[in-house]
């Protein structure tokens, strides 16, 4: 995992109050996978839409992306340019 993806994982952990094991984080290659993981593991009672919105905002902020470039099925490294 590169610095961008490590920082994303840390931001997700902080936002959703969950620990993400390194092995799990390595498999989180798209926003959709992150959203699904948070639905199953976050102790917060949030809807999928709430989680998806928070994940989107974290990704846009951390990676400096324009909102129009975001898609839940895009890959962090290949499509968003994360390292």
Protein backbone atom coordinates (compact mmCIF):
# COMPACT_ATOMS: atom_id res chain seq x y z
CA UNK A 1 0.00 0.00 0.00
CA UNK A 2 1.23 3.45 -0.88
CA UNK A 3 1.03 6.58 1.23
CA UNK A 4 -2.27 7.74 -0.29
CA UNK A 5 -4.01 4.44 0.37
CA UNK A 6 -2.63 4.22 3.91
CA UNK A 7 -3.90 7.74 4.62
CA UNK A 8 -7.30 6.83 3.16
CA UNK A 9 -7.52 3.76 5.40
CA UNK A 10 -6.62 5.86 8.43
CA UNK A 11 -9.24 8.46 7.52
CA UNK A 12 -11.89 5.73 7.14
CA UNK A 13 -10.92 4.26 10.52
CA UNK A 14 -11.23 7.62 12.22
CA UNK A 15 -14.49 8.60 10.53
CA UNK A 16 -16.25 5.29 11.15
CA UNK A 17 -14.63 4.38 14.50
CA UNK A 18 -13.38 1.04 13.26
CA UNK A 19 -10.01 -0.70 13.03
CA UNK A 20 -9.18 -2.00 9.57
CA UNK A 21 -6.63 -4.82 9.56
CA UNK A 22 -3.87 -4.38 6.97
CA UNK A 23 -5.01 -7.49 5.09
CA UNK A 24 -8.54 -6.06 4.79
CA UNK A 25 -7.25 -2.62 3.80
CA UNK A 26 -5.22 -4.18 0.99
CA UNK A 27 -8.45 -5.55 -0.51
CA UNK A 28 -10.24 -2.19 -0.36
CA UNK A 29 -9.51 -1.13 -3.91
CA UNK A 30 -12.75 0.73 -4.73
CA UNK A 31 -15.09 3.00 -2.78
CA UNK A 32 -17.85 0.37 -3.08
CA UNK A 33 -15.72 -2.17 -1.23
CA UNK A 34 -15.01 0.38 1.51
CA UNK A 35 -18.72 1.19 1.82
CA UNK A 36 -19.65 -2.48 2.07
CA UNK A 37 -16.96 -3.03 4.72
CA UNK A 38 -18.20 -0.10 6.79
CA UNK A 39 -21.78 -1.33 6.56
CA UNK A 40 -20.66 -4.59 8.16
CA UNK A 41 -18.08 -3.34 10.67
CA UNK A 42 -18.77 0.22 11.78
CA UNK A 43 -20.37 0.50 15.23
CA UNK A 44 -22.26 3.57 14.05
CA UNK A 45 -25.88 3.12 13.01
CA UNK A 46 -25.64 4.65 9.56
CA UNK A 47 -27.52 3.96 6.36
CA UNK A 48 -25.70 2.94 3.21
CA UNK A 49 -26.35 6.40 1.76
CA UNK A 50 -24.81 8.08 4.82
CA UNK A 51 -21.75 5.86 4.68
CA UNK A 52 -21.41 6.35 0.92
CA UNK A 53 -21.56 10.14 1.29
CA UNK A 54 -18.89 10.14 4.00
CA UNK A 55 -16.63 7.79 2.02
CA UNK A 56 -17.04 10.00 -1.05
CA UNK A 57 -16.11 13.15 0.86
CA UNK A 58 -13.04 11.52 2.41
CA UNK A 59 -11.82 10.29 -0.97
CA UNK A 60 -12.39 13.61 -2.71
CA UNK A 61 -10.62 15.49 0.09
CA UNK A 62 -7.69 13.10 0.61
CA UNK A 63 -6.95 12.65 -3.08
CA UNK A 64 -7.84 16.18 -4.20
CA UNK A 65 -10.31 14.95 -6.78
CA UNK A 66 -13.09 16.83 -8.54
CA UNK A 67 -16.56 15.55 -7.65
CA UNK A 68 -17.29 14.67 -11.27
CA UNK A 69 -14.43 12.17 -11.36
CA UNK A 70 -15.87 10.10 -8.50
CA UNK A 71 -17.53 6.73 -9.06
CA UNK A 72 -17.97 3.94 -6.50
CA UNK A 73 -16.54 1.36 -8.89
CA UNK A 74 -13.37 3.22 -9.82
CA UNK A 75 -10.14 1.84 -8.43
CA UNK A 76 -8.07 4.00 -6.10
CA UNK A 77 -4.71 3.45 -7.79
CA UNK A 78 -5.61 2.85 -11.42
CA UNK A 79 -8.49 5.32 -11.80
CA UNK A 80 -8.02 7.93 -9.04
CA UNK A 81 -4.21 8.03 -9.25
CA UNK A 82 -3.55 7.16 -5.60
CA UNK A 83 -0.17 5.73 -4.78
